[in-house]
Amino acid sequence: MVSNYFLNGGDIEAIAKDVDAKQNEVFLKALADEKAQGLNVSADCYAAPDWDMLHDYDYSIYFKK
């Protein structure tokens, strides 16, 4: 999809929204499958509400003792 945009042009916003929707669909299906197997998981488990996307994510929070 994206490579097609670079080769042929088009509406990048529409392409990005389509890619986003498909990725979210796959992600939510994976979560539903895991939940069906008994894992207590949701999209909230993967959220980083305090992350400023203009800066690198600080992974050091996972290595604190």
PDB file of N, CA and C in Angstrom:
ATOM      1  N   MET A   1       0.812  -1.192   0.000  1.00  0.00           N
ATOM      2  CA  MET A   1       0.000   0.000   0.000  1.00  0.00           C
ATOM      3  C   MET A   1       0.858   1.259   0.000  1.00  0.00           C
ATOM      4  N   VAL A   2       1.706   1.362   1.013  1.00  0.00           N
ATOM      5  CA  VAL A   2       2.531   2.561   1.130  1.00  0.00           C
ATOM      6  C   VAL A   2       3.515   2.632  -0.026  1.00  0.00           C
ATOM      7  N   SER A   3       4.095   1.482  -0.388  1.00  0.00           N
ATOM      8  CA  SER A   3       5.026   1.489  -1.519  1.00  0.00           C
ATOM      9  C   SER A   3       4.301   1.899  -2.797  1.00  0.00           C
ATOM     10  N   ASN A   4       3.043   1.508  -2.935  1.00  0.00           N
ATOM     11  CA  ASN A   4       2.258   1.920  -4.094  1.00  0.00           C
ATOM     12  C   ASN A   4       2.096   3.437  -4.123  1.00  0.00           C
ATOM     13  N   TYR A   5       1.929   4.042  -2.948  1.00  0.00           N
ATOM     14  CA  TYR A   5       1.829   5.500  -2.870  1.00  0.00           C
ATOM     15  C   TYR A   5       3.114   6.146  -3.380  1.00  0.00           C
ATOM     16  N   PHE A   6       4.257   5.623  -2.939  1.00  0.00           N
ATOM     17  CA  PHE A   6       5.532   6.212  -3.357  1.00  0.00           C
ATOM     18  C   PHE A   6       5.771   6.035  -4.849  1.00  0.00           C
ATOM     19  N   LEU A   7       5.275   4.947  -5.401  1.00  0.00           N
ATOM     20  CA  LEU A   7       5.466   4.710  -6.832  1.00  0.00           C
ATOM     21  C   LEU A   7       4.453   5.437  -7.700  1.00  0.00           C
ATOM     22  N   ASN A   8       3.209   5.536  -7.217  1.00  0.00           N
ATOM     23  CA  ASN A   8       2.133   6.052  -8.069  1.00  0.00           C
ATOM     24  C   ASN A   8       1.410   7.281  -7.524  1.00  0.00           C
ATOM     25  N   GLY A   9       1.734   7.687  -6.300  1.00  0.00           N
ATOM     26  CA  GLY A   9       1.023   8.822  -5.707  1.00  0.00           C
ATOM     27  C   GLY A   9      -0.309   8.385  -5.151  1.00  0.00           C
ATOM     28  N   GLY A  10      -1.102   9.344  -4.763  1.00  0.00           N
ATOM     29  CA  GLY A  10      -2.414   9.038  -4.211  1.00  0.00           C
ATOM     30  C   GLY A  10      -2.657   9.810  -2.933  1.00  0.00           C
ATOM     31  N   ASP A  11      -3.680   9.391  -2.220  1.00  0.00           N
ATOM     32  CA  ASP A  11      -4.100  10.053  -0.986  1.00  0.00           C
ATOM     33  C   ASP A  11      -3.423   9.373   0.197  1.00  0.00           C
ATOM     34  N   ILE A  12      -2.307   9.934   0.661  1.00  0.00           N
ATOM     35  CA  ILE A  12      -1.536   9.300   1.731  1.00  0.00           C
ATOM     36  C   ILE A  12      -2.335   9.203   3.028  1.00  0.00           C
ATOM     37  N   GLU A  13      -3.197  10.163   3.298  1.00  0.00           N
ATOM     38  CA  GLU A  13      -4.001  10.103   4.523  1.00  0.00           C
ATOM     39  C   GLU A  13      -4.955   8.909   4.486  1.00  0.00           C
ATOM     40  N   ALA A  14      -5.583   8.676   3.356  1.00  0.00           N
ATOM     41  CA  ALA A  14      -6.498   7.542   3.222  1.00  0.00           C
ATOM     42  C   ALA A  14      -5.729   6.222   3.323  1.00  0.00           C
ATOM     43  N   ILE A  15      -4.551   6.184   2.713  1.00  0.00           N
ATOM     44  CA  ILE A  15      -3.726   4.977   2.778  1.00  0.00           C
ATOM     45  C   ILE A  15      -3.310   4.711   4.215  1.00  0.00           C
ATOM     46  N   ALA A  16      -2.872   5.747   4.922  1.00  0.00           N
ATOM     47  CA  ALA A  16      -2.448   5.592   6.316  1.00  0.00           C
ATOM     48  C   ALA A  16      -3.607   5.136   7.198  1.00  0.00           C
ATOM     49  N   LYS A  17      -4.776   5.686   6.989  1.00  0.00           N
ATOM     50  CA  LYS A  17      -5.939   5.271   7.781  1.00  0.00           C
ATOM     51  C   LYS A  17      -6.282   3.813   7.527  1.00  0.00           C
ATOM     52  N   ASP A  18      -6.150   3.373   6.283  1.00  0.00           N
ATOM     53  CA  ASP A  18      -6.431   1.985   5.935  1.00  0.00           C
ATOM     54  C   ASP A  18      -5.416   1.049   6.599  1.00  0.00           C
ATOM     55  N   VAL A  19      -4.141   1.400   6.535  1.00  0.00           N
ATOM     56  CA  VAL A  19      -3.100   0.595   7.182  1.00  0.00           C
ATOM     57  C   VAL A  19      -3.354   0.539   8.685  1.00  0.00           C
ATOM     58  N   ASP A  20      -3.656   1.671   9.292  1.00  0.00           N
ATOM     59  CA  ASP A  20      -3.921   1.743  10.727  1.00  0.00           C
ATOM     60  C   ASP A  20      -5.095   0.849  11.107  1.00  0.00           C
ATOM     61  N   ALA A  21      -6.170   0.926  10.339  1.00  0.00           N
ATOM     62  CA  ALA A  21      -7.360   0.124  10.634  1.00  0.00           C
ATOM     63  C   ALA A  21      -7.046  -1.366  10.545  1.00  0.00           C
ATOM     64  N   LYS A  22      -6.279  -1.767   9.538  1.00  0.00           N
ATOM     65  CA  LYS A  22      -5.933  -3.187   9.395  1.00  0.00           C
ATOM     66  C   LYS A  22      -5.020  -3.655  10.522  1.00  0.00           C
ATOM     67  N   GLN A  23      -4.057  -2.826  10.907  1.00  0.00           N
ATOM     68  CA  GLN A  23      -3.174  -3.194  12.016  1.00  0.00           C
ATOM     69  C   GLN A  23      -3.958  -3.310  13.319  1.00  0.00           C
ATOM     70  N   ASN A  24      -4.874  -2.393  13.559  1.00  0.00           N
ATOM     71  CA  ASN A  24      -5.700  -2.462  14.769  1.00  0.00           C
ATOM     72  C   ASN A  24      -6.575  -3.700  14.761  1.00  0.00           C
ATOM     73  N   GLU A  25      -7.109  -4.059  13.613  1.00  0.00           N
ATOM     74  CA  GLU A  25      -7.950  -5.248  13.500  1.00  0.00           C
ATOM     75  C   GLU A  25      -7.155  -6.509  13.872  1.00  0.00           C
ATOM     76  N   VAL A  26      -5.938  -6.624  13.356  1.00  0.00           N
ATOM     77  CA  VAL A  26      -5.089  -7.773  13.658  1.00  0.00           C
ATOM     78  C   VAL A  26      -4.724  -7.785  15.149  1.00  0.00           C
ATOM     79  N   PHE A  27      -4.377  -6.626  15.674  1.00  0.00           N
ATOM     80  CA  PHE A  27      -4.010  -6.506  17.093  1.00  0.00           C
ATOM     81  C   PHE A  27      -5.173  -6.917  17.990  1.00  0.00           C
ATOM     82  N   LEU A  28      -6.356  -6.399  17.731  1.00  0.00           N
ATOM     83  CA  LEU A  28      -7.520  -6.706  18.568  1.00  0.00           C
ATOM     84  C   LEU A  28      -7.917  -8.172  18.447  1.00  0.00           C
ATOM     85  N   LYS A  29      -7.756  -8.763  17.261  1.00  0.00           N
ATOM     86  CA  LYS A  29      -8.049 -10.188  17.093  1.00  0.00           C
ATOM     87  C   LYS A  29      -7.072 -11.021  17.906  1.00  0.00           C
ATOM     88  N   ALA A  30      -5.799 -10.641  17.887  1.00  0.00           N
ATOM     89  CA  ALA A  30      -4.797 -11.371  18.678  1.00  0.00           C
ATOM     90  C   ALA A  30      -5.127 -11.292  20.163  1.00  0.00           C
ATOM     91  N   LEU A  31      -5.542 -10.126  20.623  1.00  0.00           N
ATOM     92  CA  LEU A  31      -5.920  -9.972  22.033  1.00  0.00           C
ATOM     93  C   LEU A  31      -7.130 -10.839  22.363  1.00  0.00           C
ATOM     94  N   ALA A  32      -8.108 -10.857  21.473  1.00  0.00           N
ATOM     95  CA  ALA A  32      -9.307 -11.668  21.696  1.00  0.00           C
ATOM     96  C   ALA A  32      -8.949 -13.155  21.749  1.00  0.00           C
ATOM     97  N   ASP A  33      -8.042 -13.588  20.871  1.00  0.00           N
ATOM     98  CA  ASP A  33      -7.607 -14.988  20.876  1.00  0.00           C
ATOM     99  C   ASP A  33      -6.899 -15.336  22.186  1.00  0.00           C
ATOM    100  N   GLU A  34      -6.041 -14.438  22.646  1.00  0.00           N
ATOM    101  CA  GLU A  34      -5.331 -14.671  23.903  1.00  0.00           C
ATOM    102  C   GLU A  34      -6.297 -14.690  25.082  1.00  0.00           C
ATOM    103  N   LYS A  35      -7.264 -13.791  25.052  1.00  0.00           N
ATOM    104  CA  LYS A  35      -8.260 -13.739  26.126  1.00  0.00           C
ATOM    105  C   LYS A  35      -9.087 -15.030  26.139  1.00  0.00           C
ATOM    106  N   ALA A  36      -9.415 -15.549  24.954  1.00  0.00           N
ATOM    107  CA  ALA A  36     -10.182 -16.787  24.858  1.00  0.00           C
ATOM    108  C   ALA A  36      -9.409 -17.976  25.431  1.00  0.00           C
ATOM    109  N   GLN A  37      -8.085 -17.863  25.467  1.00  0.00           N
ATOM    110  CA  GLN A  37      -7.244 -18.922  26.029  1.00  0.00           C
ATOM    111  C   GLN A  37      -6.997 -18.713  27.522  1.00  0.00           C
ATOM    112  N   GLY A  38      -7.648 -17.678  28.095  1.00  0.00           N
ATOM    113  CA  GLY A  38      -7.573 -17.472  29.533  1.00  0.00           C
ATOM    114  C   GLY A  38      -6.626 -16.378  29.996  1.00  0.00           C
ATOM    115  N   LEU A  39      -5.961 -15.710  29.079  1.00  0.00           N
ATOM    116  CA  LEU A  39      -5.046 -14.644  29.461  1.00  0.00           C
ATOM    117  C   LEU A  39      -5.833 -13.370  29.730  1.00  0.00           C
ATOM    118  N   ASN A  40      -5.576 -12.729  30.845  1.00  0.00           N
ATOM    119  CA  ASN A  40      -6.256 -11.480  31.198  1.00  0.00           C
ATOM    120  C   ASN A  40      -5.496 -10.330  30.533  1.00  0.00           C
ATOM    121  N   VAL A  41      -5.894  -9.979  29.325  1.00  0.00           N
ATOM    122  CA  VAL A  41      -5.174  -8.977  28.542  1.00  0.00           C
ATOM    123  C   VAL A  41      -6.174  -8.076  27.818  1.00  0.00           C
ATOM    124  N   SER A  42      -5.764  -6.836  27.628  1.00  0.00           N
ATOM    125  CA  SER A  42      -6.572  -5.891  26.868  1.00  0.00           C
ATOM    126  C   SER A  42      -5.639  -4.903  26.176  1.00  0.00           C
ATOM    127  N   ALA A  43      -6.184  -4.059  25.342  1.00  0.00           N
ATOM    128  CA  ALA A  43      -5.388  -3.040  24.656  1.00  0.00           C
ATOM    129  C   ALA A  43      -4.747  -2.086  25.657  1.00  0.00           C
ATOM    130  N   ASP A  44      -5.376  -1.923  26.809  1.00  0.00           N
ATOM    131  CA  ASP A  44      -4.820  -1.044  27.843  1.00  0.00           C
ATOM    132  C   ASP A  44      -3.455  -1.539  28.339  1.00  0.00           C
ATOM    133  N   CYS A  45      -3.218  -2.843  28.244  1.00  0.00           N
ATOM    134  CA  CYS A  45      -1.934  -3.397  28.667  1.00  0.00           C
ATOM    135  C   CYS A  45      -0.789  -2.874  27.802  1.00  0.00           C
ATOM    136  N   TYR A  46      -1.107  -2.396  26.629  1.00  0.00           N
ATOM    137  CA  TYR A  46      -0.092  -1.935  25.681  1.00  0.00           C
ATOM    138  C   TYR A  46      -0.079  -0.418  25.530  1.00  0.00           C
ATOM    139  N   ALA A  47      -0.856   0.263  26.335  1.00  0.00           N
ATOM    140  CA  ALA A  47      -0.952   1.722  26.237  1.00  0.00           C
ATOM    141  C   ALA A  47       0.183   2.389  27.006  1.00  0.00           C
ATOM    142  N   ALA A  48       0.628   3.500  26.490  1.00  0.00           N
ATOM    143  CA  ALA A  48       1.639   4.320  27.167  1.00  0.00           C
ATOM    144  C   ALA A  48       1.120   5.757  27.173  1.00  0.00           C
ATOM    145  N   PRO A  49       0.131   6.042  28.035  1.00  0.00           N
ATOM    146  CA  PRO A  49      -0.555   7.334  27.980  1.00  0.00           C
ATOM    147  C   PRO A  49       0.333   8.542  28.271  1.00  0.00           C
ATOM    148  N   ASP A  50       1.446   8.324  28.970  1.00  0.00           N
ATOM    149  CA  ASP A  50       2.312   9.453  29.313  1.00  0.00           C
ATOM    150  C   ASP A  50       3.438   9.669  28.300  1.00  0.00           C
ATOM    151  N   TRP A  51       3.474   8.860  27.256  1.00  0.00           N
ATOM    152  CA  TRP A  51       4.569   8.942  26.287  1.00  0.00           C
ATOM    153  C   TRP A  51       4.342  10.110  25.330  1.00  0.00           C
ATOM    154  N   ASP A  52       5.345  10.943  25.212  1.00  0.00           N
ATOM    155  CA  ASP A  52       5.351  12.034  24.239  1.00  0.00           C
ATOM    156  C   ASP A  52       6.009  11.485  22.975  1.00  0.00           C
ATOM    157  N   MET A  53       5.226  11.253  21.936  1.00  0.00           N
ATOM    158  CA  MET A  53       5.732  10.606  20.727  1.00  0.00           C
ATOM    159  C   MET A  53       6.779  11.428  19.982  1.00  0.00           C
ATOM    160  N   LEU A  54       7.029  12.639  20.427  1.00  0.00           N
ATOM    161  CA  LEU A  54       8.071  13.447  19.808  1.00  0.00           C
ATOM    162  C   LEU A  54       9.444  13.145  20.410  1.00  0.00           C
ATOM    163  N   HIS A  55       9.455  12.284  21.435  1.00  0.00           N
ATOM    164  CA  HIS A  55      10.703  11.898  22.092  1.00  0.00           C
ATOM    165  C   HIS A  55      10.798  10.379  22.134  1.00  0.00           C
ATOM    166  N   ASP A  56      12.023   9.869  22.152  1.00  0.00           N
ATOM    167  CA  ASP A  56      12.217   8.425  22.244  1.00  0.00           C
ATOM    168  C   ASP A  56      11.545   7.888  23.499  1.00  0.00           C
ATOM    169  N   TYR A  57      10.980   6.702  23.404  1.00  0.00           N
ATOM    170  CA  TYR A  57      10.358   6.055  24.556  1.00  0.00           C
ATOM    171  C   TYR A  57      11.452   5.647  25.545  1.00  0.00           C
ATOM    172  N   ASP A  58      11.202   5.847  26.813  1.00  0.00           N
ATOM    173  CA  ASP A  58      12.174   5.535  27.861  1.00  0.00           C
ATOM    174  C   ASP A  58      11.968   4.104  28.361  1.00  0.00           C
ATOM    175  N   TYR A  59      12.730   3.178  27.818  1.00  0.00           N
ATOM    176  CA  TYR A  59      12.612   1.779  28.200  1.00  0.00           C
ATOM    177  C   TYR A  59      13.229   1.494  29.566  1.00  0.00           C
ATOM    178  N   SER A  60      13.974   2.431  30.111  1.00  0.00           N
ATOM    179  CA  SER A  60      14.654   2.193  31.386  1.00  0.00           C
ATOM    180  C   SER A  60      13.674   1.908  32.522  1.00  0.00           C
ATOM    181  N   ILE A  61      12.415   2.307  32.380  1.00  0.00           N
ATOM    182  CA  ILE A  61      11.441   2.037  33.435  1.00  0.00           C
ATOM    183  C   ILE A  61      11.245   0.536  33.656  1.00  0.00           C
ATOM    184  N   TYR A  62      11.574  -0.276  32.641  1.00  0.00           N
ATOM    185  CA  TYR A  62      11.418  -1.707  32.753  1.00  0.00           C
ATOM    186  C   TYR A  62      12.619  -2.378  33.411  1.00  0.00           C
ATOM    187  N   PHE A  63      13.680  -1.626  33.618  1.00  0.00           N
ATOM    188  CA  PHE A  63      14.893  -2.206  34.179  1.00  0.00           C
ATOM    189  C   PHE A  63      15.185  -1.708  35.591  1.00  0.00           C
ATOM    190  N   LYS A  64      14.272  -0.977  36.187  1.00  0.00           N
ATOM    191  CA  LYS A  64      14.462  -0.490  37.551  1.00  0.00           C
ATOM    192  C   LYS A  64      14.348  -1.647  38.527  1.00  0.00           C
ATOM    193  N   LYS A  65      15.138  -1.585  39.582  1.00  0.00           N
ATOM    194  CA  LYS A  65      15.094  -2.650  40.596  1.00  0.00           C
ATOM    195  C   LYS A  65      14.224  -2.263  41.743  1.00  0.00           C
TER     196      LYS A  65
END
